[in-house]
N, C-alpha and C. Protein backbone atom coordinates (compact mmCIF):
# COMPACT_ATOMS: atom_id res chain seq x y z
N MET A 1 63.75 10.58 -49.77
CA MET A 1 63.34 11.27 -48.45
C MET A 1 64.35 11.18 -47.53
N ASP A 2 65.78 11.87 -48.47
CA ASP A 2 66.56 12.44 -47.40
C ASP A 2 66.54 13.07 -46.82
N GLY A 3 66.84 13.07 -45.36
CA GLY A 3 66.92 14.57 -44.78
C GLY A 3 65.58 14.64 -44.09
N GLU A 4 64.38 13.38 -44.62
CA GLU A 4 62.54 14.33 -44.61
C GLU A 4 62.65 13.46 -43.26
N HIS A 5 61.93 13.68 -42.10
CA HIS A 5 61.34 13.20 -40.99
C HIS A 5 60.36 12.92 -40.85
N ARG A 6 59.50 12.09 -40.67
CA ARG A 6 58.39 11.88 -40.42
C ARG A 6 57.59 11.58 -39.06
N PHE A 7 57.35 12.20 -38.36
CA PHE A 7 56.44 11.55 -37.61
C PHE A 7 55.41 11.83 -37.55
N LEU A 8 54.48 10.90 -35.93
CA LEU A 8 53.62 10.93 -35.18
C LEU A 8 53.50 11.02 -34.21
N SER A 9 52.66 12.47 -33.54
CA SER A 9 52.62 12.97 -33.06
C SER A 9 50.72 12.08 -32.76
N GLY A 10 50.56 11.75 -31.09
CA GLY A 10 48.92 11.77 -31.22
C GLY A 10 49.11 11.58 -29.04
N TYR A 11 47.33 11.23 -28.50
CA TYR A 11 47.61 11.02 -27.41
C TYR A 11 46.19 10.28 -27.40
N THR A 12 46.24 9.08 -25.90
CA THR A 12 44.85 8.72 -26.06
C THR A 12 44.65 9.09 -24.75
N ILE A 13 43.04 9.27 -24.49
CA ILE A 13 42.36 8.85 -23.65
C ILE A 13 41.48 7.83 -22.80
N ASP A 14 41.86 7.71 -21.64
CA ASP A 14 40.98 6.54 -20.90
C ASP A 14 39.68 6.71 -20.59
N LEU A 15 38.94 6.46 -21.27
CA LEU A 15 37.56 6.90 -21.45
C LEU A 15 36.88 5.75 -20.68
N THR A 16 37.01 4.57 -19.76
CA THR A 16 36.83 3.66 -18.57
C THR A 16 36.17 5.49 -17.50
N ASP A 17 36.90 6.12 -17.05
CA ASP A 17 35.77 6.78 -15.97
C ASP A 17 34.54 7.61 -16.44
N ARG A 18 34.85 7.85 -17.75
CA ARG A 18 33.46 8.50 -18.27
C ARG A 18 32.45 7.23 -18.79
N LYS A 19 32.69 6.28 -18.80
CA LYS A 19 31.89 5.51 -19.26
C LYS A 19 30.86 4.85 -17.73
N VAL A 20 31.97 4.31 -16.76
CA VAL A 20 31.62 4.40 -15.37
C VAL A 20 30.54 5.33 -14.72
N ALA A 21 30.75 6.59 -15.18
CA ALA A 21 29.87 7.77 -14.42
C ALA A 21 28.41 7.36 -15.40
N LYS A 22 28.80 7.52 -16.74
CA LYS A 22 27.75 7.59 -17.84
C LYS A 22 26.77 6.19 -17.08
N ASN A 23 27.16 5.11 -16.94
CA ASN A 23 26.42 3.87 -16.31
C ASN A 23 26.06 4.44 -14.86
N ALA A 24 26.26 4.67 -14.15
CA ALA A 24 26.07 4.98 -13.11
C ALA A 24 24.95 6.76 -13.47
N LEU A 25 24.66 7.40 -14.04
CA LEU A 25 23.79 7.88 -14.19
C LEU A 25 22.75 7.68 -14.73
N GLN A 26 22.75 6.70 -15.64
CA GLN A 26 21.94 6.13 -16.48
C GLN A 26 20.71 5.00 -15.66
N ASN A 27 21.33 4.05 -14.12
CA ASN A 27 20.93 4.08 -13.49
C ASN A 27 20.66 4.63 -12.59
N SER A 28 21.28 5.60 -11.85
CA SER A 28 20.19 6.00 -10.87
C SER A 28 18.63 7.35 -11.35
N GLU A 29 18.48 7.19 -13.16
CA GLU A 29 17.86 7.63 -13.27
C GLU A 29 17.10 6.53 -13.96
N ALA A 30 17.30 5.11 -14.01
CA ALA A 30 15.71 4.40 -13.92
C ALA A 30 15.74 4.12 -12.93
N ARG A 31 16.48 3.84 -11.87
CA ARG A 31 15.46 4.07 -10.19
C ARG A 31 15.18 4.96 -9.43
N LEU A 32 15.27 6.47 -10.08
CA LEU A 32 14.32 7.50 -10.24
C LEU A 32 13.40 7.57 -10.71
N ILE A 33 12.84 7.13 -11.77
CA ILE A 33 11.61 6.83 -12.46
C ILE A 33 11.44 5.73 -11.61
N GLU A 34 11.60 4.69 -11.39
CA GLU A 34 11.30 3.53 -10.27
C GLU A 34 10.59 4.61 -9.39
N LEU A 35 11.42 4.26 -8.31
CA LEU A 35 10.91 5.63 -7.74
C LEU A 35 9.42 6.41 -7.71
N ASN A 36 9.57 7.16 -8.30
CA ASN A 36 8.59 7.89 -8.91
C ASN A 36 7.48 7.30 -9.44
N ALA A 37 7.39 5.95 -10.04
CA ALA A 37 6.01 5.34 -10.39
C ALA A 37 5.94 4.63 -9.16
N THR A 38 6.79 4.28 -8.02
CA THR A 38 5.74 3.76 -7.13
C THR A 38 5.57 4.83 -5.76
N LYS A 39 5.56 6.14 -5.93
CA LYS A 39 5.53 6.69 -5.41
C LYS A 39 4.28 7.28 -5.88
N ASP A 40 3.75 7.08 -6.87
CA ASP A 40 2.41 7.26 -7.33
C ASP A 40 1.61 6.37 -7.22
N LYS A 41 2.06 5.51 -7.22
CA LYS A 41 1.20 3.71 -7.10
C LYS A 41 0.39 4.38 -5.31
N PHE A 42 2.07 4.35 -4.43
CA PHE A 42 1.44 4.55 -3.48
C PHE A 42 0.46 5.82 -3.43
N PHE A 43 0.52 6.80 -3.25
CA PHE A 43 -0.58 7.95 -4.07
C PHE A 43 -1.70 7.44 -3.86
N SER A 44 -0.98 6.33 -4.92
CA SER A 44 -3.18 6.10 -5.62
C SER A 44 -4.23 5.12 -5.01
N ILE A 45 -2.83 4.26 -4.35
CA ILE A 45 -3.57 2.90 -3.67
C ILE A 45 -3.85 4.06 -1.52
N ILE A 46 -3.39 5.17 -1.19
CA ILE A 46 -3.53 5.75 -0.29
C ILE A 46 -5.04 6.51 -0.25
N SER A 47 -4.93 7.26 -1.85
CA SER A 47 -6.51 7.55 -2.08
C SER A 47 -7.57 7.10 -2.31
N HIS A 48 -7.59 5.74 -2.73
CA HIS A 48 -8.21 4.65 -2.67
C HIS A 48 -8.62 4.39 -1.55
N ASP A 49 -7.57 3.61 -0.72
CA ASP A 49 -8.10 3.13 0.31
C ASP A 49 -8.58 3.78 1.43
N LEU A 50 -8.35 4.91 1.42
CA LEU A 50 -9.06 5.72 2.62
C LEU A 50 -10.23 6.93 1.71
N LYS A 51 -10.55 6.46 0.82
CA LYS A 51 -12.16 7.09 0.38
C LYS A 51 -13.18 6.57 0.86
N SER A 52 -13.10 5.54 0.93
CA SER A 52 -14.13 4.59 1.86
C SER A 52 -14.19 4.71 3.25
N PRO A 53 -13.12 4.56 3.78
CA PRO A 53 -12.99 4.64 5.33
C PRO A 53 -14.13 5.83 6.25
N PHE A 54 -13.09 6.77 4.89
CA PHE A 54 -13.29 8.45 5.15
C PHE A 54 -15.04 9.17 4.52
N ASN A 55 -15.77 7.90 3.88
CA ASN A 55 -16.76 8.30 3.50
C ASN A 55 -18.30 7.47 4.66
N SER A 56 -17.70 6.83 4.91
CA SER A 56 -18.23 6.01 6.41
C SER A 56 -18.25 6.86 7.45
N LEU A 57 -17.55 7.64 7.50
CA LEU A 57 -17.03 8.49 9.30
C LEU A 57 -17.87 9.86 9.19
N LEU A 58 -17.39 10.06 7.31
CA LEU A 58 -17.82 11.73 7.73
C LEU A 58 -19.73 11.30 7.53
N GLY A 59 -20.66 10.05 6.44
CA GLY A 59 -21.78 9.85 6.66
C GLY A 59 -22.25 9.92 8.00
N PHE A 60 -21.60 8.80 8.93
CA PHE A 60 -21.50 8.10 10.08
C PHE A 60 -21.88 10.05 10.95
N SER A 61 -21.44 10.18 11.13
CA SER A 61 -20.59 11.76 11.56
C SER A 61 -22.28 12.72 11.08
N ASN A 62 -21.87 13.01 10.23
CA ASN A 62 -23.14 13.73 10.14
C ASN A 62 -24.81 13.17 10.67
N LEU A 63 -24.82 11.96 10.92
CA LEU A 63 -25.99 11.38 11.30
C LEU A 63 -26.13 11.44 12.32
N LEU A 64 -24.64 11.34 13.29
CA LEU A 64 -24.60 11.14 14.33
C LEU A 64 -25.18 12.70 15.03
N LEU A 65 -24.83 13.96 14.54
CA LEU A 65 -24.87 15.05 14.45
C LEU A 65 -25.92 15.47 14.42
N GLU A 66 -26.72 15.04 13.46
CA GLU A 66 -28.29 15.15 13.80
C GLU A 66 -29.23 14.66 14.36
N GLN A 67 -28.57 13.11 14.81
CA GLN A 67 -29.40 12.74 16.09
C GLN A 67 -29.31 13.62 17.48
N VAL A 68 -28.07 14.09 17.72
CA VAL A 68 -27.61 14.94 18.98
C VAL A 68 -28.47 16.05 18.87
N GLN A 69 -28.64 16.59 17.56
CA GLN A 69 -29.49 17.87 17.67
C GLN A 69 -31.38 18.00 17.43
N LEU A 70 -31.68 16.94 16.46
CA LEU A 70 -33.25 16.47 17.26
C LEU A 70 -33.31 15.74 18.79
N LYS A 71 -31.88 15.70 19.34
CA LYS A 71 -32.07 14.96 20.78
C LYS A 71 -33.23 13.63 20.56
N ASP A 72 -32.84 12.18 19.51
CA ASP A 72 -32.83 11.78 19.24
C ASP A 72 -32.17 10.74 19.77
N CYS A 73 -32.08 9.70 21.13
CA CYS A 73 -30.56 9.06 21.54
C CYS A 73 -30.81 7.68 20.88
N GLU A 74 -31.56 7.53 20.37
CA GLU A 74 -31.49 5.94 20.05
C GLU A 74 -30.47 5.02 19.30
N GLY A 75 -30.52 6.48 17.99
CA GLY A 75 -28.92 5.71 16.93
C GLY A 75 -27.74 6.33 17.61
N ILE A 76 -27.26 7.22 18.22
CA ILE A 76 -26.53 7.75 18.69
C ILE A 76 -25.02 6.73 19.13
N GLU A 77 -25.84 5.39 20.12
CA GLU A 77 -24.90 4.80 20.32
C GLU A 77 -24.10 4.24 19.39
N GLU A 78 -25.17 3.31 18.65
CA GLU A 78 -25.13 2.95 17.31
C GLU A 78 -23.88 3.43 16.64
N TYR A 79 -24.58 5.04 16.06
CA TYR A 79 -23.26 5.84 15.36
C TYR A 79 -22.26 5.96 16.04
N ALA A 80 -22.20 6.27 16.86
CA ALA A 80 -20.18 6.01 17.70
C ALA A 80 -19.84 5.05 17.69
N ARG A 81 -20.85 3.91 17.92
CA ARG A 81 -19.94 2.70 17.66
C ARG A 81 -19.36 2.46 16.49
N ILE A 82 -19.91 2.82 15.09
CA ILE A 82 -19.46 1.98 13.42
C ILE A 82 -18.50 3.59 13.29
N ILE A 83 -18.92 4.33 14.09
CA ILE A 83 -17.67 6.25 13.91
C ILE A 83 -16.23 5.31 14.30
N LEU A 84 -16.57 3.95 15.94
CA LEU A 84 -15.33 4.36 16.51
C LEU A 84 -14.40 3.42 15.58
N LEU A 85 -15.59 2.07 15.10
CA LEU A 85 -15.02 0.77 14.32
C LEU A 85 -14.22 1.55 13.19
N SER A 86 -14.88 2.38 12.39
CA SER A 86 -13.72 3.01 11.77
C SER A 86 -12.89 4.23 11.33
N SER A 87 -13.18 4.37 12.77
CA SER A 87 -11.55 5.58 12.85
C SER A 87 -10.24 4.16 12.74
N ARG A 88 -10.77 2.97 14.12
CA ARG A 88 -9.83 1.97 13.98
C ARG A 88 -9.41 1.77 12.61
N ARG A 89 -10.67 1.51 11.67
CA ARG A 89 -9.57 0.67 9.97
C ARG A 89 -9.36 1.65 9.77
N VAL A 90 -9.40 3.12 9.89
CA VAL A 90 -8.28 4.05 9.15
C VAL A 90 -7.19 3.82 9.40
N MET A 91 -6.65 3.89 11.35
CA MET A 91 -5.53 3.65 11.62
C MET A 91 -4.89 2.14 11.17
N ASP A 92 -5.46 1.29 11.38
CA ASP A 92 -5.35 0.31 11.10
C ASP A 92 -4.66 0.06 9.34
N LEU A 93 -5.06 0.52 8.57
CA LEU A 93 -4.58 1.21 7.09
C LEU A 93 -3.69 2.10 6.75
N LEU A 94 -3.71 3.10 7.62
CA LEU A 94 -2.67 3.94 7.42
C LEU A 94 -1.57 2.78 8.13
N GLU A 95 -1.38 2.33 9.32
CA GLU A 95 -0.51 1.39 9.82
C GLU A 95 -0.26 0.40 8.52
N ASN A 96 -0.69 -0.49 8.18
CA ASN A 96 -0.65 -1.23 6.54
C ASN A 96 0.12 0.12 5.81
N LEU A 97 -0.46 0.88 5.74
CA LEU A 97 0.03 2.18 4.01
C LEU A 97 1.39 1.57 4.99
N LEU A 98 1.73 2.98 5.65
CA LEU A 98 3.35 3.03 6.29
C LEU A 98 4.19 2.21 6.17
N GLN A 99 4.05 0.75 6.30
CA GLN A 99 4.26 -0.65 6.48
C GLN A 99 4.77 -0.97 4.97
N TRP A 100 4.35 -1.02 3.79
CA TRP A 100 3.85 -0.98 2.56
C TRP A 100 5.16 -0.26 1.71
N SER A 101 4.94 1.42 2.13
CA SER A 101 5.70 1.97 2.74
C SER A 101 7.58 2.15 1.84
N ARG A 102 7.59 1.77 4.05
CA ARG A 102 8.51 1.20 4.04
C ARG A 102 9.34 -0.12 3.18
N SER A 103 8.81 -1.31 2.98
CA SER A 103 9.60 -1.94 2.12
C SER A 103 9.20 -1.79 0.73
N GLN A 104 8.93 -0.74 -0.05
CA GLN A 104 8.81 -0.19 -1.27
C GLN A 104 10.28 0.29 -1.22
N THR A 105 10.85 1.14 -0.03
CA THR A 105 12.33 1.80 -0.39
C THR A 105 12.72 0.81 0.28
N GLY A 106 12.95 -0.40 0.36
CA GLY A 106 13.71 -0.76 0.97
C GLY A 106 13.96 -0.63 2.85
N ARG A 107 13.39 -0.28 3.76
CA ARG A 107 13.16 0.36 4.92
C ARG A 107 12.51 -0.61 5.42
N ILE A 108 12.28 -1.72 5.51
CA ILE A 108 11.39 -2.54 5.95
C ILE A 108 12.43 -4.02 6.63
N GLU A 109 12.42 -4.84 7.63
CA GLU A 109 13.90 -5.58 7.27
C GLU A 109 12.09 -7.21 7.25
N PHE A 110 12.57 -8.48 6.99
CA PHE A 110 11.28 -9.49 6.86
C PHE A 110 11.37 -9.76 7.92
N THR A 111 10.71 -9.86 8.97
CA THR A 111 11.30 -10.00 10.12
C THR A 111 9.98 -11.49 9.97
N PRO A 112 10.61 -12.84 10.24
CA PRO A 112 9.25 -14.07 10.16
C PRO A 112 9.27 -14.17 11.57
N GLU A 113 7.99 -14.15 11.01
CA GLU A 113 7.12 -14.88 13.05
C GLU A 113 5.74 -16.18 12.74
N TYR A 114 5.45 -16.86 14.24
CA TYR A 114 4.34 -17.77 13.40
C TYR A 114 3.15 -16.86 14.33
N PHE A 115 1.97 -16.88 13.43
CA PHE A 115 1.14 -16.23 13.77
C PHE A 115 -0.23 -16.66 12.91
N GLU A 116 -1.68 -17.32 13.48
CA GLU A 116 -2.14 -17.20 13.27
C GLU A 116 -2.92 -17.06 11.86
N LEU A 117 -2.82 -17.20 10.94
CA LEU A 117 -3.37 -17.12 9.41
C LEU A 117 -4.81 -16.64 9.57
N GLY A 118 -5.53 -16.82 9.97
CA GLY A 118 -7.36 -16.61 10.06
C GLY A 118 -7.58 -15.53 10.59
N GLN A 119 -6.63 -14.87 11.42
CA GLN A 119 -6.91 -14.08 12.59
C GLN A 119 -6.45 -13.15 11.12
N VAL A 120 -5.16 -12.56 10.48
CA VAL A 120 -4.79 -11.58 9.87
C VAL A 120 -5.88 -11.55 8.46
N ILE A 121 -6.40 -12.37 8.37
CA ILE A 121 -7.88 -12.57 7.15
C ILE A 121 -8.19 -11.85 8.14
N ARG A 122 -9.21 -12.58 9.35
CA ARG A 122 -10.07 -11.85 9.55
C ARG A 122 -9.87 -10.05 9.60
N GLU A 123 -8.92 -9.42 10.30
CA GLU A 123 -8.40 -8.04 9.66
C GLU A 123 -8.39 -7.46 9.00
N VAL A 124 -7.84 -7.62 7.58
CA VAL A 124 -8.06 -7.71 6.74
C VAL A 124 -9.28 -6.98 6.12
N THR A 125 -10.56 -8.61 6.09
CA THR A 125 -11.61 -8.53 5.89
C THR A 125 -12.32 -7.53 6.18
N GLU A 126 -12.24 -6.95 8.09
CA GLU A 126 -12.45 -6.07 8.47
C GLU A 126 -12.07 -4.67 8.37
N LEU A 127 -11.56 -4.38 7.38
CA LEU A 127 -10.46 -3.35 6.93
C LEU A 127 -11.53 -3.36 5.75
N LEU A 128 -11.55 -3.72 5.22
CA LEU A 128 -11.88 -3.46 3.76
C LEU A 128 -13.77 -3.80 3.99
N GLU A 129 -14.29 -3.91 5.35
CA GLU A 129 -15.98 -4.19 5.20
C GLU A 129 -16.22 -3.08 4.60
N ASP A 130 -16.47 -1.61 4.88
CA ASP A 130 -16.89 -0.64 3.90
C ASP A 130 -17.14 -0.75 2.80
N MET A 131 -16.06 -1.11 1.61
CA MET A 131 -15.72 -1.68 0.71
C MET A 131 -16.60 -2.58 0.10
N ALA A 132 -16.71 -3.58 0.59
CA ALA A 132 -17.93 -4.96 0.41
C ALA A 132 -19.12 -4.79 1.10
N VAL A 133 -19.30 -3.68 1.38
CA VAL A 133 -20.78 -3.34 2.11
C VAL A 133 -21.28 -2.67 1.01
N GLN A 134 -20.63 -1.57 0.42
CA GLN A 134 -20.67 -0.35 -0.75
C GLN A 134 -21.14 -1.85 -1.91
N LYS A 135 -20.53 -2.75 -2.40
CA LYS A 135 -20.32 -3.40 -3.43
C LYS A 135 -20.81 -4.48 -3.17
N ASN A 136 -22.01 -4.63 -1.65
CA ASN A 136 -22.72 -5.60 -2.08
C ASN A 136 -22.79 -6.69 -1.92
N ILE A 137 -20.52 -7.47 -1.54
CA ILE A 137 -19.97 -8.63 -1.58
C ILE A 137 -19.52 -9.08 -0.01
N LYS A 138 -20.12 -9.95 -0.27
CA LYS A 138 -19.47 -11.33 1.42
C LYS A 138 -18.78 -11.30 1.16
N THR A 139 -17.68 -11.15 1.56
CA THR A 139 -16.62 -12.46 2.40
C THR A 139 -16.58 -13.16 3.65
N ILE A 140 -15.94 -14.52 3.49
CA ILE A 140 -15.91 -15.60 4.04
C ILE A 140 -14.49 -16.13 4.66
N ASN A 141 -14.27 -15.73 5.46
CA ASN A 141 -13.15 -16.00 5.94
C ASN A 141 -13.20 -18.55 5.57
N ALA A 142 -12.86 -18.68 5.41
CA ALA A 142 -12.48 -20.58 5.38
C ALA A 142 -11.48 -21.30 5.81
N THR A 143 -10.72 -20.15 6.58
CA THR A 143 -9.58 -20.39 7.27
C THR A 143 -8.80 -21.44 7.97
N PRO A 144 -8.43 -23.05 7.99
CA PRO A 144 -8.83 -23.65 9.22
C PRO A 144 -8.57 -23.38 10.84
N PRO A 145 -9.20 -22.79 11.99
CA PRO A 145 -8.75 -22.71 13.05
C PRO A 145 -7.64 -22.76 13.82
N LYS A 146 -6.84 -21.93 13.85
CA LYS A 146 -5.26 -22.32 14.95
C LYS A 146 -4.35 -22.62 13.66
N LEU A 147 -4.98 -22.68 12.18
CA LEU A 147 -3.48 -22.41 11.68
C LEU A 147 -2.55 -21.67 11.67
N PHE A 148 -1.29 -21.69 12.25
CA PHE A 148 -0.19 -21.43 12.28
C PHE A 148 0.67 -20.58 11.17
N VAL A 149 1.02 -19.59 10.37
CA VAL A 149 2.21 -19.90 9.70
C VAL A 149 3.59 -19.06 10.18
N LEU A 150 4.84 -19.30 9.65
CA LEU A 150 6.11 -18.85 9.80
C LEU A 150 5.86 -17.93 8.27
N ALA A 151 6.10 -16.20 8.84
CA ALA A 151 5.86 -15.83 7.93
C ALA A 151 6.24 -13.93 8.49
N ASP A 152 6.36 -12.63 7.75
CA ASP A 152 6.71 -11.42 8.49
C ASP A 152 4.80 -11.09 8.46
N LYS A 153 4.41 -10.51 9.88
CA LYS A 153 3.05 -10.56 9.60
C LYS A 153 2.50 -9.40 8.88
N TYR A 154 3.35 -8.16 8.87
CA TYR A 154 3.24 -7.04 8.27
C TYR A 154 2.95 -7.04 6.51
N MET A 155 4.03 -8.17 5.95
CA MET A 155 3.90 -8.84 4.90
C MET A 155 3.05 -9.06 4.35
N MET A 156 2.98 -10.19 5.15
CA MET A 156 1.14 -11.37 4.67
C MET A 156 0.19 -10.23 4.35
N GLY A 157 0.29 -9.00 5.58
CA GLY A 157 -1.25 -8.57 5.77
C GLY A 157 -1.16 -7.15 4.47
N ASN A 158 -0.13 -7.03 4.37
CA ASN A 158 0.29 -6.09 2.65
C ASN A 158 -0.49 -7.09 1.76
N ILE A 159 -0.08 -8.70 2.04
CA ILE A 159 0.00 -8.93 0.50
C ILE A 159 -1.70 -9.28 0.20
N LEU A 160 -2.38 -9.57 1.36
CA LEU A 160 -3.50 -10.09 1.74
C LEU A 160 -4.99 -8.44 1.86
N ARG A 161 -3.87 -7.94 1.84
CA ARG A 161 -5.09 -6.73 1.82
C ARG A 161 -5.11 -6.37 -0.38
N ASN A 162 -4.36 -5.95 -0.26
CA ASN A 162 -3.97 -5.45 -2.02
C ASN A 162 -4.69 -7.06 -2.50
N LEU A 163 -4.65 -8.38 -2.57
CA LEU A 163 -4.95 -9.06 -3.39
C LEU A 163 -6.85 -9.03 -3.20
N ILE A 164 -6.97 -9.40 -2.21
CA ILE A 164 -8.63 -9.01 -1.30
C ILE A 164 -9.56 -7.55 -1.76
N SER A 165 -8.35 -6.34 -1.59
CA SER A 165 -8.95 -5.37 -2.28
C SER A 165 -8.96 -5.20 -3.93
N ASN A 166 -8.34 -5.16 -4.21
CA ASN A 166 -7.98 -5.95 -5.79
C ASN A 166 -9.38 -7.00 -6.33
N ALA A 167 -9.37 -7.36 -5.90
CA ALA A 167 -11.01 -8.49 -6.09
C ALA A 167 -12.36 -7.44 -6.50
N MET A 168 -12.25 -7.27 -4.80
CA MET A 168 -13.42 -6.50 -4.81
C MET A 168 -13.25 -5.34 -6.07
N ILE A 169 -12.46 -4.67 -5.93
CA ILE A 169 -12.66 -3.48 -7.04
C ILE A 169 -13.22 -4.00 -7.87
N LYS A 170 -12.68 -5.01 -8.92
CA LYS A 170 -12.51 -6.20 -10.04
C LYS A 170 -14.26 -6.97 -10.44
N MET A 171 -14.74 -6.67 -8.92
CA MET A 171 -15.98 -6.89 -8.83
C MET A 171 -17.35 -5.85 -9.75
N LYS A 172 -16.47 -4.89 -9.65
CA LYS A 172 -17.42 -3.89 -10.26
C LYS A 172 -17.66 -4.78 -11.75
N ILE A 173 -16.09 -5.24 -12.17
CA ILE A 173 -16.20 -4.98 -13.85
C ILE A 173 -16.95 -6.19 -14.35
N TYR A 174 -17.26 -7.32 -13.14
CA TYR A 174 -18.12 -8.06 -13.70
C TYR A 174 -19.97 -8.34 -13.47
N CYS A 175 -19.91 -7.91 -12.31
CA CYS A 175 -21.33 -7.63 -11.35
C CYS A 175 -21.87 -6.46 -12.17
């Protein structure tokens, strides 16, 4: 091997940046999949929760219109009151859905406050009253009077609305 030279040549590539970028891309993809599933769930909740109050609004609006056309004033005040209550429920529901969407996208802050739990439960059961009536379910609020809790009122309302509406939905299966 005299006079023969052997050389070894090579180079190295630092793949750290590529691996970091690949992991970031995979994390972004997983987050997008999760956000898409949340969006789908949100739209499902919206359509389900708004269907009942809007059916009531449409039905009683029709009855109100018929009463006016027949000049039969007896039911007009009652139907108008029911329409007003249903409209308030829809507005409350929309506010709850907005709060829920903010919580799902991380745009809501946890703001604990003292409030009467029974009042929040009353508001939720009133909001879901149409569904309860349709399924012949009677809700009973057995919360002790003046039971105050320290929690985020909107989050508590969302949790209770989900629990109670899910229970009412399940009643269809067992009844």
